[in-house]
C-alpha cells in the first residue's frame, strides 16, 4: 500500500519486491478492508492468487542470510595500543591526607 498525495490516491497492490520509502506491506485480510481517506480515491491492483516463483538466486540469498544470522558473534576486542588497567589512562588515583 502506498499513498500518492499529488493525486489523492491510495494504491493497494501486491507485496513490494524491494523496500520503498512510504510503502507498507499489508496482509490479505487488512488489504481487503483498507479504505481511503474522505475525498481520496482507492485503487486496488490485482493481487492474484498465485505465489511468485522463486528463482535459484532468491533461494541462495535466503540461505546466505540465514547462515549469516546463525553465525556466532565475536566479542569486540579493545585496540591493543590503548592502555588498560588502573592508573594507565588519563585518570589517576591520588592517595594521601587530602591536603
Protein backbone atom coordinates (compact mmCIF):
# COMPACT_ATOMS: atom_id res chain seq x y z
CA UNK A 1 0.00 0.00 0.00
CA UNK A 2 1.20 3.46 -0.77
CA UNK A 3 -0.24 6.96 -0.92
CA UNK A 4 0.06 9.21 -3.95
CA UNK A 5 -0.53 12.57 -2.30
CA UNK A 6 -0.41 14.58 -5.56
CA UNK A 7 -3.36 12.56 -6.92
CA UNK A 8 -5.14 11.99 -3.59
CA UNK A 9 -4.99 8.26 -4.26
CA UNK A 10 -4.33 5.20 -2.10
CA UNK A 11 -2.88 2.27 -4.05
CA UNK A 12 -3.26 -1.24 -2.65
CA UNK A 13 -1.40 -3.94 -4.57
CA UNK A 14 0.89 -6.93 -4.24
CA UNK A 15 3.72 -7.09 -1.73
CA UNK A 16 6.74 -4.98 -2.60
CA UNK A 17 9.74 -6.73 -4.10
CA UNK A 18 12.11 -4.12 -2.61
CA UNK A 19 11.99 -1.51 0.14
CA UNK A 20 10.24 1.69 -0.90
CA UNK A 21 10.01 4.76 1.34
CA UNK A 22 6.41 5.36 2.38
CA UNK A 23 5.17 1.95 1.18
CA UNK A 24 3.62 -0.56 3.58
CA UNK A 25 3.04 -4.28 3.12
CA UNK A 26 -0.40 -5.42 4.24
CA UNK A 27 -1.67 -8.96 4.78
CA UNK A 28 -4.56 -10.07 2.55
CA UNK A 29 -7.10 -9.53 5.37
CA UNK A 30 -6.08 -5.92 6.04
CA UNK A 31 -5.59 -5.11 2.35
CA UNK A 32 -9.17 -6.18 1.63
CA UNK A 33 -10.52 -3.98 4.46
CA UNK A 34 -8.47 -0.90 3.56
CA UNK A 35 -10.42 2.30 2.92
CA UNK A 36 -9.22 5.64 1.57
CA UNK A 37 -9.49 8.90 3.48
CA UNK A 38 -12.53 11.03 2.71
CA UNK A 39 -12.10 12.74 -0.67
CA UNK A 40 -9.40 10.28 -1.82
CA UNK A 41 -9.61 7.53 -4.42
CA UNK A 42 -8.76 3.90 -3.60
CA UNK A 43 -7.07 1.97 -6.41
CA UNK A 44 -6.77 -1.80 -5.97
CA UNK A 45 -4.29 -3.60 -8.19
CA UNK A 46 -4.97 -7.27 -8.92
CA UNK A 47 -3.05 -9.24 -6.32
CA UNK A 48 -3.86 -12.64 -7.82
CA UNK A 49 -3.84 -15.98 -6.07
CA UNK A 50 -0.52 -17.24 -7.45
CA UNK A 51 2.57 -17.11 -5.30
CA UNK A 52 5.58 -15.57 -7.05
CA UNK A 53 8.02 -18.14 -8.37
CA UNK A 54 11.32 -18.19 -6.52
CA UNK A 55 14.47 -18.28 -8.58
CA UNK A 56 17.59 -20.20 -7.59
CA UNK A 57 19.30 -16.86 -6.81
CA UNK A 58 16.47 -15.93 -4.42
CA UNK A 59 16.81 -19.20 -2.55
CA UNK A 60 20.59 -18.89 -2.33
CA UNK A 61 20.27 -15.33 -0.99
CA UNK A 62 17.83 -16.53 1.69
CA UNK A 63 20.16 -19.40 2.64
CA UNK A 64 23.12 -16.99 2.90
CA UNK A 65 21.11 -14.62 5.11
CA UNK A 66 20.12 -17.49 7.44
CA UNK A 67 23.74 -18.67 7.68
CA UNK A 68 24.93 -15.14 8.46
CA UNK A 69 22.27 -14.69 11.17
CA UNK A 70 23.22 -18.03 12.78
CA UNK A 71 26.96 -17.29 12.82
CA UNK A 72 28.19 -16.64 16.39
CA UNK A 73 29.18 -13.07 17.09
CA UNK A 74 32.69 -12.39 18.37
CA UNK A 75 33.09 -10.02 21.27
CA UNK A 76 34.84 -6.83 20.13
CA UNK A 77 38.42 -6.64 21.41
CA UNK A 78 39.81 -3.31 22.65
CA UNK A 79 42.55 -1.88 20.43
CA UNK A 80 45.99 -3.10 21.51
CA UNK A 81 47.55 0.38 21.61
CA UNK A 82 45.24 1.72 24.33
CA UNK A 83 46.43 1.40 27.94
CA UNK A 84 44.24 -0.60 30.27
CA UNK A 85 44.10 -1.23 33.99
CA UNK A 86 44.13 1.13 36.96
CA UNK A 87 46.28 4.24 36.68
CA UNK A 88 47.16 3.76 32.99
CA UNK A 89 44.56 6.00 31.42
CA UNK A 90 44.08 9.74 31.63
CA UNK A 91 42.72 9.42 35.20
CA UNK A 92 44.84 8.59 38.20
CA UNK A 93 44.23 7.83 41.85
CA UNK A 94 45.65 10.33 44.33
CA UNK A 95 46.28 8.96 47.77
CA UNK A 96 47.17 10.93 50.84
CA UNK A 97 45.70 13.04 53.56
CA UNK A 98 43.79 15.25 51.11
CA UNK A 99 45.94 18.36 51.69
